[in-house]
Full PDB file with SEQRES, HELIX, SHEET, SSBOND, CRYST1, ORIGX, SCALE, CONECT and MASTER records, all heavy atoms in Angstrom:
SEQRES   1 A   37  THR GLN PHE SER ALA SER ASP GLU PHE GLU ASN SER ASP          
SEQRES   2 A   37  ARG VAL LYS VAL VAL VAL THR ALA GLU ALA ASP GLY ARG          
SEQRES   3 A   37  SER THR VAL ILE TYR SER GLU THR HIS GLU LEU                  
SHEET    1 AA1 2 GLN A   2  SER A   4  0                                        
SHEET    2 AA1 2 ASP A   7  GLU A   8 -1                                        
SHEET    1 AA2 2 ARG A  14  ALA A  23  0                                        
SHEET    2 AA2 2 ARG A  26  GLU A  36 -1                                        
CRYST1    1.000    1.000    1.000  90.00  90.00  90.00 P 1           1          
ORIGX1      1.000000  0.000000  0.000000        0.00000                         
ORIGX2      0.000000  1.000000  0.000000        0.00000                         
ORIGX3      0.000000  0.000000  1.000000        0.00000                         
SCALE1      1.000000  0.000000  0.000000        0.00000                         
SCALE2      0.000000  1.000000  0.000000        0.00000                         
SCALE3      0.000000  0.000000  1.000000        0.00000                         
ATOM      1  N   THR A   1     138.687  70.026 -98.137  1.00  0.00           N  
ATOM      2  CA  THR A   1     139.187  69.982 -96.868  1.00  0.00           C  
ATOM      3  C   THR A   1     140.065  68.787 -96.641  1.00  0.00           C  
ATOM      4  O   THR A   1     140.655  68.678 -95.613  1.00  0.00           O  
ATOM      5  CB  THR A   1     137.900  69.962 -95.847  1.00  0.00           C  
ATOM      6  OG1 THR A   1     137.219  68.788 -96.095  1.00  0.00           O  
ATOM      7  CG2 THR A   1     136.969  71.078 -95.933  1.00  0.00           C  
ATOM      8  N   GLN A   2     140.131  67.952 -97.619  1.00  0.00           N  
ATOM      9  CA  GLN A   2     140.959  66.728 -97.534  1.00  0.00           C  
ATOM     10  C   GLN A   2     141.522  66.192 -98.773  1.00  0.00           C  
ATOM     11  O   GLN A   2     140.916  66.491 -99.905  1.00  0.00           O  
ATOM     12  CB  GLN A   2     140.120  65.659 -96.717  1.00  0.00           C  
ATOM     13  CG  GLN A   2     138.867  65.350 -97.500  1.00  0.00           C  
ATOM     14  CD  GLN A   2     137.888  64.568 -96.554  1.00  0.00           C  
ATOM     15  OE1 GLN A   2     137.965  64.719 -95.471  1.00  0.00           O  
ATOM     16  NE2 GLN A   2     137.069  63.708 -97.229  1.00  0.00           N  
ATOM     17  N   PHE A   3     142.534  65.452 -98.705  1.00  0.00           N  
ATOM     18  CA  PHE A   3     143.050  64.766 -99.921  1.00  0.00           C  
ATOM     19  C   PHE A   3     142.220  63.510-100.253  1.00  0.00           C  
ATOM     20  O   PHE A   3     142.065  63.139-101.508  1.00  0.00           O  
ATOM     21  CB  PHE A   3     144.539  64.396 -99.778  1.00  0.00           C  
ATOM     22  CG  PHE A   3     145.383  65.559 -99.476  1.00  0.00           C  
ATOM     23  CD1 PHE A   3     146.015  65.957 -98.258  1.00  0.00           C  
ATOM     24  CD2 PHE A   3     145.680  66.578-100.568  1.00  0.00           C  
ATOM     25  CE1 PHE A   3     146.855  66.890 -98.113  1.00  0.00           C  
ATOM     26  CE2 PHE A   3     146.475  67.686-100.316  1.00  0.00           C  
ATOM     27  CZ  PHE A   3     147.144  67.854 -99.100  1.00  0.00           C  
ATOM     28  N   SER A   4     141.915  62.821 -99.296  1.00  0.00           N  
ATOM     29  CA  SER A   4     140.977  61.619 -99.379  1.00  0.00           C  
ATOM     30  C   SER A   4     140.306  61.436 -98.156  1.00  0.00           C  
ATOM     31  O   SER A   4     140.320  62.267 -97.145  1.00  0.00           O  
ATOM     32  CB  SER A   4     142.011  60.399 -99.659  1.00  0.00           C  
ATOM     33  OG  SER A   4     142.773  60.197 -98.398  1.00  0.00           O  
ATOM     34  N   ALA A   5     139.389  60.464 -98.041  1.00  0.00           N  
ATOM     35  CA  ALA A   5     138.557  60.268 -96.990  1.00  0.00           C  
ATOM     36  C   ALA A   5     139.307  60.212 -95.584  1.00  0.00           C  
ATOM     37  O   ALA A   5     138.831  60.538 -94.550  1.00  0.00           O  
ATOM     38  CB  ALA A   5     137.688  59.061 -97.158  1.00  0.00           C  
ATOM     39  N   SER A   6     140.514  59.614 -95.541  1.00  0.00           N  
ATOM     40  CA  SER A   6     141.228  59.475 -94.419  1.00  0.00           C  
ATOM     41  C   SER A   6     142.393  60.509 -94.142  1.00  0.00           C  
ATOM     42  O   SER A   6     143.188  60.335 -93.274  1.00  0.00           O  
ATOM     43  CB  SER A   6     141.675  58.162 -94.276  1.00  0.00           C  
ATOM     44  OG  SER A   6     142.622  57.790 -95.387  1.00  0.00           O  
ATOM     45  N   ASP A   7     142.461  61.520 -95.179  1.00  0.00           N  
ATOM     46  CA  ASP A   7     143.642  62.381 -95.084  1.00  0.00           C  
ATOM     47  C   ASP A   7     143.302  63.747 -95.172  1.00  0.00           C  
ATOM     48  O   ASP A   7     143.256  64.276 -96.381  1.00  0.00           O  
ATOM     49  CB  ASP A   7     144.589  62.024 -96.197  1.00  0.00           C  
ATOM     50  CG  ASP A   7     145.904  62.835 -96.069  1.00  0.00           C  
ATOM     51  OD1 ASP A   7     146.114  63.445 -95.100  1.00  0.00           O  
ATOM     52  OD2 ASP A   7     146.774  62.523 -97.101  1.00  0.00           O  
ATOM     53  N   GLU A   8     142.850  64.363 -94.081  1.00  0.00           N  
ATOM     54  CA  GLU A   8     142.478  65.911 -94.054  1.00  0.00           C  
ATOM     55  C   GLU A   8     143.535  66.796 -94.174  1.00  0.00           C  
ATOM     56  O   GLU A   8     144.735  66.429 -93.891  1.00  0.00           O  
ATOM     57  CB  GLU A   8     141.507  66.211 -92.857  1.00  0.00           C  
ATOM     58  CG  GLU A   8     140.296  65.463 -92.801  1.00  0.00           C  
ATOM     59  CD  GLU A   8     139.422  65.979 -91.675  1.00  0.00           C  
ATOM     60  OE1 GLU A   8     139.829  66.783 -90.797  1.00  0.00           O  
ATOM     61  OE2 GLU A   8     138.209  65.405 -91.477  1.00  0.00           O  
ATOM     62  N   PHE A   9     143.354  68.017 -94.678  1.00  0.00           N  
ATOM     63  CA  PHE A   9     144.420  69.038 -94.833  1.00  0.00           C  
ATOM     64  C   PHE A   9     144.751  69.478 -93.393  1.00  0.00           C  
ATOM     65  O   PHE A   9     143.915  69.356 -92.398  1.00  0.00           O  
ATOM     66  CB  PHE A   9     143.868  70.315 -95.398  1.00  0.00           C  
ATOM     67  CG  PHE A   9     143.427  70.139 -96.922  1.00  0.00           C  
ATOM     68  CD1 PHE A   9     142.674  71.300 -97.416  1.00  0.00           C  
ATOM     69  CD2 PHE A   9     143.911  69.141 -97.758  1.00  0.00           C  
ATOM     70  CE1 PHE A   9     142.345  71.063 -98.757  1.00  0.00           C  
ATOM     71  CE2 PHE A   9     143.606  69.148 -99.065  1.00  0.00           C  
ATOM     72  CZ  PHE A   9     142.740  69.978 -99.569  1.00  0.00           C  
ATOM     73  N   GLU A  10     145.971  69.679 -93.079  1.00  0.00           N  
ATOM     74  CA  GLU A  10     146.543  70.166 -91.852  1.00  0.00           C  
ATOM     75  C   GLU A  10     147.338  71.380 -92.136  1.00  0.00           C  
ATOM     76  O   GLU A  10     147.916  71.744 -93.128  1.00  0.00           O  
ATOM     77  CB  GLU A  10     147.393  69.037 -91.275  1.00  0.00           C  
ATOM     78  CG  GLU A  10     146.658  67.733 -90.920  1.00  0.00           C  
ATOM     79  CD  GLU A  10     147.585  66.732 -90.446  1.00  0.00           C  
ATOM     80  OE1 GLU A  10     148.872  66.968 -90.223  1.00  0.00           O  
ATOM     81  OE2 GLU A  10     147.071  65.658 -90.218  1.00  0.00           O  
ATOM     82  N   ASN A  11     147.711  72.033 -90.875  1.00  0.00           N  
ATOM     83  CA  ASN A  11     148.582  73.262 -91.082  1.00  0.00           C  
ATOM     84  C   ASN A  11     149.950  72.780 -91.678  1.00  0.00           C  
ATOM     85  O   ASN A  11     150.407  71.699 -91.398  1.00  0.00           O  
ATOM     86  CB  ASN A  11     148.831  73.824 -89.697  1.00  0.00           C  
ATOM     87  CG  ASN A  11     147.578  74.585 -89.236  1.00  0.00           C  
ATOM     88  OD1 ASN A  11     146.748  74.980 -89.955  1.00  0.00           O  
ATOM     89  ND2 ASN A  11     147.553  74.830 -87.894  1.00  0.00           N  
ATOM     90  N   SER A  12     150.537  73.613 -92.467  1.00  0.00           N  
ATOM     91  CA  SER A  12     151.911  73.473 -93.179  1.00  0.00           C  
ATOM     92  C   SER A  12     151.627  72.568 -94.281  1.00  0.00           C  
ATOM     93  O   SER A  12     152.800  72.243 -94.926  1.00  0.00           O  
ATOM     94  CB  SER A  12     152.846  72.878 -92.095  1.00  0.00           C  
ATOM     95  OG  SER A  12     153.085  73.897 -91.083  1.00  0.00           O  
ATOM     96  N   ASP A  13     150.590  71.998 -94.672  1.00  0.00           N  
ATOM     97  CA  ASP A  13     150.453  71.095 -95.834  1.00  0.00           C  
ATOM     98  C   ASP A  13     150.685  72.060 -96.969  1.00  0.00           C  
ATOM     99  O   ASP A  13     150.273  73.236 -97.117  1.00  0.00           O  
ATOM    100  CB  ASP A  13     149.034  70.522 -96.000  1.00  0.00           C  
ATOM    101  CG  ASP A  13     148.872  69.163 -95.316  1.00  0.00           C  
ATOM    102  OD1 ASP A  13     149.927  68.613 -94.987  1.00  0.00           O  
ATOM    103  OD2 ASP A  13     147.672  68.839 -95.054  1.00  0.00           O  
ATOM    104  N   ARG A  14     151.302  71.449 -98.037  1.00  0.00           N  
ATOM    105  CA  ARG A  14     151.466  72.123 -99.404  1.00  0.00           C  
ATOM    106  C   ARG A  14     150.568  71.513-100.265  1.00  0.00           C  
ATOM    107  O   ARG A  14     150.846  70.397-100.596  1.00  0.00           O  
ATOM    108  CB  ARG A  14     152.954  72.245 -99.803  1.00  0.00           C  
ATOM    109  CG  ARG A  14     153.899  73.134 -98.934  1.00  0.00           C  
ATOM    110  CD  ARG A  14     155.265  73.078 -99.171  1.00  0.00           C  
ATOM    111  NE  ARG A  14     155.581  73.330-100.639  1.00  0.00           N  
ATOM    112  CZ  ARG A  14     155.660  74.529-101.245  1.00  0.00           C  
ATOM    113  NH1 ARG A  14     155.364  75.618-100.504  1.00  0.00           N  
ATOM    114  NH2 ARG A  14     155.956  74.608-102.557  1.00  0.00           N  
ATOM    115  N   VAL A  15     149.532  72.262-100.718  1.00  0.00           N  
ATOM    116  CA  VAL A  15     148.518  71.597-101.656  1.00  0.00           C  
ATOM    117  C   VAL A  15     148.651  72.214-103.116  1.00  0.00           C  
ATOM    118  O   VAL A  15     148.588  73.365-103.247  1.00  0.00           O  
ATOM    119  CB  VAL A  15     147.026  71.882-101.003  1.00  0.00           C  
ATOM    120  CG1 VAL A  15     146.030  71.361-101.902  1.00  0.00           C  
ATOM    121  CG2 VAL A  15     147.006  71.522 -99.560  1.00  0.00           C  
ATOM    122  N   LYS A  16     148.848  71.233-104.059  1.00  0.00           N  
ATOM    123  CA  LYS A  16     148.855  71.657-105.433  1.00  0.00           C  
ATOM    124  C   LYS A  16     147.382  71.636-105.967  1.00  0.00           C  
ATOM    125  O   LYS A  16     146.798  70.608-105.796  1.00  0.00           O  
ATOM    126  CB  LYS A  16     149.780  70.876-106.235  1.00  0.00           C  
ATOM    127  CG  LYS A  16     149.932  71.371-107.655  1.00  0.00           C  
ATOM    128  CD  LYS A  16     150.957  70.693-108.363  1.00  0.00           C  
ATOM    129  CE  LYS A  16     151.064  71.193-109.819  1.00  0.00           C  
ATOM    130  NZ  LYS A  16     152.271  70.817-110.395  1.00  0.00           N  
ATOM    131  N   VAL A  17     146.943  72.743-106.516  1.00  0.00           N  
ATOM    132  CA  VAL A  17     145.748  72.755-107.139  1.00  0.00           C  
ATOM    133  C   VAL A  17     145.881  73.011-108.719  1.00  0.00           C  
ATOM    134  O   VAL A  17     146.500  73.879-109.201  1.00  0.00           O  
ATOM    135  CB  VAL A  17     144.942  73.962-106.617  1.00  0.00           C  
ATOM    136  CG1 VAL A  17     143.524  74.164-107.337  1.00  0.00           C  
ATOM    137  CG2 VAL A  17     144.720  74.005-105.112  1.00  0.00           C  
ATOM    138  N   VAL A  18     145.230  72.109-109.514  1.00  0.00           N  
ATOM    139  CA  VAL A  18     145.254  72.089-110.899  1.00  0.00           C  
ATOM    140  C   VAL A  18     143.802  72.153-111.420  1.00  0.00           C  
ATOM    141  O   VAL A  18     143.097  71.180-111.051  1.00  0.00           O  
ATOM    142  CB  VAL A  18     146.100  70.892-111.529  1.00  0.00           C  
ATOM    143  CG1 VAL A  18     146.137  70.920-113.042  1.00  0.00           C  
ATOM    144  CG2 VAL A  18     147.530  70.947-111.111  1.00  0.00           C  
ATOM    145  N   VAL A  19     143.568  73.129-112.281  1.00  0.00           N  
ATOM    146  CA  VAL A  19     142.096  73.209-112.889  1.00  0.00           C  
ATOM    147  C   VAL A  19     142.310  73.062-114.340  1.00  0.00           C  
ATOM    148  O   VAL A  19     143.105  73.842-115.023  1.00  0.00           O  
ATOM    149  CB  VAL A  19     141.408  74.618-112.500  1.00  0.00           C  
ATOM    150  CG1 VAL A  19     140.085  74.505-113.047  1.00  0.00           C  
ATOM    151  CG2 VAL A  19     141.502  74.721-111.010  1.00  0.00           C  
ATOM    152  N   THR A  20     141.520  72.076-114.851  1.00  0.00           N  
ATOM    153  CA  THR A  20     141.610  71.934-116.389  1.00  0.00           C  
ATOM    154  C   THR A  20     140.136  72.191-117.027  1.00  0.00           C  
ATOM    155  O   THR A  20     139.101  71.696-116.334  1.00  0.00           O  
ATOM    156  CB  THR A  20     141.975  70.493-116.619  1.00  0.00           C  
ATOM    157  OG1 THR A  20     143.137  70.217-116.143  1.00  0.00           O  
ATOM    158  CG2 THR A  20     142.091  70.169-118.153  1.00  0.00           C  
ATOM    159  N   ALA A  21     140.136  73.121-117.814  1.00  0.00           N  
ATOM    160  CA  ALA A  21     138.829  73.312-118.621  1.00  0.00           C  
ATOM    161  C   ALA A  21     138.729  72.494-119.893  1.00  0.00           C  
ATOM    162  O   ALA A  21     139.768  72.222-120.569  1.00  0.00           O  
ATOM    163  CB  ALA A  21     138.900  74.849-119.144  1.00  0.00           C  
ATOM    164  N   GLU A  22     137.465  71.874-119.986  1.00  0.00           N  
ATOM    165  CA  GLU A  22     137.347  70.873-120.986  1.00  0.00           C  
ATOM    166  C   GLU A  22     136.007  71.347-121.818  1.00  0.00           C  
ATOM    167  O   GLU A  22     135.008  71.694-121.352  1.00  0.00           O  
ATOM    168  CB  GLU A  22     137.114  69.513-120.536  1.00  0.00           C  
ATOM    169  CG  GLU A  22     138.324  68.976-119.801  1.00  0.00           C  
ATOM    170  CD  GLU A  22     138.107  67.810-118.940  1.00  0.00           C  
ATOM    171  OE1 GLU A  22     136.851  67.402-118.848  1.00  0.00           O  
ATOM    172  OE2 GLU A  22     139.004  67.202-118.356  1.00  0.00           O  
ATOM    173  N   ALA A  23     136.184  71.321-123.224  1.00  0.00           N  
ATOM    174  CA  ALA A  23     135.003  71.627-124.007  1.00  0.00           C  
ATOM    175  C   ALA A  23     135.248  71.061-125.451  1.00  0.00           C  
ATOM    176  O   ALA A  23     136.398  71.124-125.958  1.00  0.00           O  
ATOM    177  CB  ALA A  23     134.791  73.091-124.178  1.00  0.00           C  
ATOM    178  N   ASP A  24     134.311  70.401-126.059  1.00  0.00           N  
ATOM    179  CA  ASP A  24     134.378  69.889-127.515  1.00  0.00           C  
ATOM    180  C   ASP A  24     135.568  68.971-127.651  1.00  0.00           C  
ATOM    181  O   ASP A  24     136.277  69.141-128.627  1.00  0.00           O  
ATOM    182  CB  ASP A  24     134.348  71.022-128.434  1.00  0.00           C  
ATOM    183  CG  ASP A  24     133.035  71.825-128.518  1.00  0.00           C  
ATOM    184  OD1 ASP A  24     131.959  71.036-128.150  1.00  0.00           O  
ATOM    185  OD2 ASP A  24     133.034  72.834-128.965  1.00  0.00           O  
ATOM    186  N   GLY A  25     135.811  68.163-126.663  1.00  0.00           N  
ATOM    187  CA  GLY A  25     137.024  67.242-126.767  1.00  0.00           C  
ATOM    188  C   GLY A  25     138.398  67.879-126.647  1.00  0.00           C  
ATOM    189  O   GLY A  25     139.389  67.206-126.793  1.00  0.00           O  
ATOM    190  N   ARG A  26     138.488  69.090-126.230  1.00  0.00           N  
ATOM    191  CA  ARG A  26     139.768  69.750-126.000  1.00  0.00           C  
ATOM    192  C   ARG A  26     139.785  70.046-124.532  1.00  0.00           C  
ATOM    193  O   ARG A  26     138.833  70.250-123.900  1.00  0.00           O  
ATOM    194  CB  ARG A  26     139.760  71.037-126.846  1.00  0.00           C  
ATOM    195  CG  ARG A  26     139.610  70.986-128.352  1.00  0.00           C  
ATOM    196  CD  ARG A  26     139.501  72.370-129.074  1.00  0.00           C  
ATOM    197  NE  ARG A  26     138.288  73.041-128.771  1.00  0.00           N  
ATOM    198  CZ  ARG A  26     138.097  74.269-128.195  1.00  0.00           C  
ATOM    199  NH1 ARG A  26     139.214  74.962-128.103  1.00  0.00           N  
ATOM    200  NH2 ARG A  26     136.849  74.697-127.932  1.00  0.00           N  
ATOM    201  N   SER A  27     141.045  70.104-124.080  1.00  0.00           N  
ATOM    202  CA  SER A  27     141.222  70.579-122.692  1.00  0.00           C  
ATOM    203  C   SER A  27     142.478  71.396-122.525  1.00  0.00           C  
ATOM    204  O   SER A  27     143.346  71.097-123.300  1.00  0.00           O  
ATOM    205  CB  SER A  27     141.450  69.290-121.735  1.00  0.00           C  
ATOM    206  OG  SER A  27     142.584  68.496-122.093  1.00  0.00           O  
ATOM    207  N   THR A  28     142.385  72.331-121.547  1.00  0.00           N  
ATOM    208  CA  THR A  28     143.440  73.325-121.343  1.00  0.00           C  
ATOM    209  C   THR A  28     143.574  73.486-119.822  1.00  0.00           C  
ATOM    210  O   THR A  28     142.629  73.620-119.260  1.00  0.00           O  
ATOM    211  CB  THR A  28     143.080  74.531-121.858  1.00  0.00           C  
ATOM    212  OG1 THR A  28     142.954  74.508-123.415  1.00  0.00           O  
ATOM    213  CG2 THR A  28     144.321  75.597-121.767  1.00  0.00           C  
ATOM    214  N   VAL A  29     144.934  73.340-119.273  1.00  0.00           N  
ATOM    215  CA  VAL A  29     145.082  73.685-117.916  1.00  0.00           C  
ATOM    216  C   VAL A  29     145.006  75.147-117.801  1.00  0.00           C  
ATOM    217  O   VAL A  29     145.645  75.882-118.518  1.00  0.00           O  
ATOM    218  CB  VAL A  29     146.472  73.218-117.428  1.00  0.00           C  
ATOM    219  CG1 VAL A  29     146.756  73.650-115.956  1.00  0.00           C  
ATOM    220  CG2 VAL A  29     146.575  71.672-117.531  1.00  0.00           C  
ATOM    221  N   ILE A  30     144.078  75.680-116.958  1.00  0.00           N  
ATOM    222  CA  ILE A  30     143.883  77.159-116.789  1.00  0.00           C  
ATOM    223  C   ILE A  30     144.428  77.663-115.372  1.00  0.00           C  
ATOM    224  O   ILE A  30     144.515  78.822-115.266  1.00  0.00           O  
ATOM    225  CB  ILE A  30     142.340  77.593-117.015  1.00  0.00           C  
ATOM    226  CG1 ILE A  30     141.370  76.903-115.884  1.00  0.00           C  
ATOM    227  CG2 ILE A  30     141.942  77.294-118.361  1.00  0.00           C  
ATOM    228  CD1 ILE A  30     140.059  77.370-115.933  1.00  0.00           C  
ATOM    229  N   TYR A  31     144.752  76.707-114.498  1.00  0.00           N  
ATOM    230  CA  TYR A  31     145.298  77.134-113.184  1.00  0.00           C  
ATOM    231  C   TYR A  31     146.090  75.986-112.648  1.00  0.00           C  
ATOM    232  O   TYR A  31     145.734  74.939-112.678  1.00  0.00           O  
ATOM    233  CB  TYR A  31     144.157  77.377-112.393  1.00  0.00           C  
ATOM    234  CG  TYR A  31     144.558  77.894-110.900  1.00  0.00           C  
ATOM    235  CD1 TYR A  31     144.646  79.337-110.688  1.00  0.00           C  
ATOM    236  CD2 TYR A  31     144.777  77.065-109.945  1.00  0.00           C  
ATOM    237  CE1 TYR A  31     144.994  79.839-109.472  1.00  0.00           C  
ATOM    238  CE2 TYR A  31     145.246  77.601-108.627  1.00  0.00           C  
ATOM    239  CZ  TYR A  31     145.287  78.889-108.366  1.00  0.00           C  
ATOM    240  OH  TYR A  31     145.740  79.420-107.213  1.00  0.00           O  
ATOM    241  N   SER A  32     147.253  76.454-112.228  1.00  0.00           N  
ATOM    242  CA  SER A  32     148.249  75.377-111.532  1.00  0.00           C  
ATOM    243  C   SER A  32     149.049  76.258-110.518  1.00  0.00           C  
ATOM    244  O   SER A  32     149.901  76.986-110.873  1.00  0.00           O  
ATOM    245  CB  SER A  32     149.025  74.722-112.619  1.00  0.00           C  
ATOM    246  OG  SER A  32     149.806  73.778-111.843  1.00  0.00           O  
ATOM    247  N   GLU A  33     148.824  75.959-109.332  1.00  0.00           N  
ATOM    248  CA  GLU A  33     149.476  76.662-108.127  1.00  0.00           C  
ATOM    249  C   GLU A  33     149.608  75.786-106.904  1.00  0.00           C  
ATOM    250  O   GLU A  33     148.608  75.064-106.686  1.00  0.00           O  
ATOM    251  CB  GLU A  33     148.838  77.965-108.003  1.00  0.00           C  
ATOM    252  CG  GLU A  33     149.690  78.938-107.149  1.00  0.00           C  
ATOM    253  CD  GLU A  33     149.201  80.417-107.089  1.00  0.00           C  
ATOM    254  OE1 GLU A  33     148.699  80.756-108.268  1.00  0.00           O  
ATOM    255  OE2 GLU A  33     149.478  81.025-106.152  1.00  0.00           O  
ATOM    256  N   THR A  34     150.599  76.015-106.166  1.00  0.00           N  
ATOM    257  CA  THR A  34     150.763  75.373-104.918  1.00  0.00           C  
ATOM    258  C   THR A  34     150.454  76.254-103.851  1.00  0.00           C  
ATOM    259  O   THR A  34     151.012  77.389-103.855  1.00  0.00           O  
ATOM    260  CB  THR A  34     152.189  74.725-104.791  1.00  0.00           C  
ATOM    261  OG1 THR A  34     152.388  73.746-105.876  1.00  0.00           O  
ATOM    262  CG2 THR A  34     152.286  74.105-103.409  1.00  0.00           C  
ATOM    263  N   HIS A  35     149.616  75.861-102.834  1.00  0.00           N  
ATOM    264  CA  HIS A  35     149.340  76.772-101.681  1.00  0.00           C  
ATOM    265  C   HIS A  35     149.693  76.030-100.437  1.00  0.00           C  
ATOM    266  O   HIS A  35     149.668  74.835-100.246  1.00  0.00           O  
ATOM    267  CB  HIS A  35     147.692  76.989-101.697  1.00  0.00           C  
ATOM    268  CG  HIS A  35     147.212  77.635-102.776  1.00  0.00           C  
ATOM    269  ND1 HIS A  35     147.122  79.006-102.951  1.00  0.00           N  
ATOM    270  CD2 HIS A  35     146.641  77.150-104.000  1.00  0.00           C  
ATOM    271  CE1 HIS A  35     146.665  79.307-103.990  1.00  0.00           C  
ATOM    272  NE2 HIS A  35     146.318  78.128-104.702  1.00  0.00           N  
ATOM    273  N   GLU A  36     150.231  76.866 -99.581  1.00  0.00           N  
ATOM    274  CA  GLU A  36     150.691  76.417 -98.165  1.00  0.00           C  
ATOM    275  C   GLU A  36     149.586  76.771 -97.139  1.00  0.00           C  
ATOM    276  O   GLU A  36     149.236  78.013 -97.061  1.00  0.00           O  
ATOM    277  CB  GLU A  36     152.005  76.919 -97.820  1.00  0.00           C  
ATOM    278  CG  GLU A  36     152.540  76.317 -96.510  1.00  0.00           C  
ATOM    279  CD  GLU A  36     154.030  76.540 -96.237  1.00  0.00           C  
ATOM    280  OE1 GLU A  36     154.733  76.922 -97.248  1.00  0.00           O  
ATOM    281  OE2 GLU A  36     154.385  76.436 -95.230  1.00  0.00           O  
ATOM    282  N   LEU A  37     149.171  75.734 -96.494  1.00  0.00           N  
ATOM    283  CA  LEU A  37     148.103  76.045 -95.443  1.00  0.00           C  
ATOM    284  C   LEU A  37     148.806  76.291 -94.147  1.00  0.00           C  
ATOM    285  O   LEU A  37     149.814  75.971 -93.808  1.00  0.00           O  
ATOM    286  CB  LEU A  37     147.155  74.897 -95.309  1.00  0.00           C  
ATOM    287  CG  LEU A  37     146.313  74.567 -96.729  1.00  0.00           C  
ATOM    288  CD1 LEU A  37     145.392  73.451 -96.614  1.00  0.00           C  
ATOM    289  CD2 LEU A  37     145.572  75.759 -97.099  1.00  0.00           C  
TER     290      LEU A  37                                                      
MASTER        0    0    0    0    4    0    0    6  289    1    0    3          
END                                                                             
């Protein structure tokens, strides 16, 4: 719901979401997309 403790999401914010999967010392970005609220 927020970027930081003092910076909540607002209408028209463009939020980039990046998800990285990690296992056995390896990592792979499995999702990367920007969403407009």
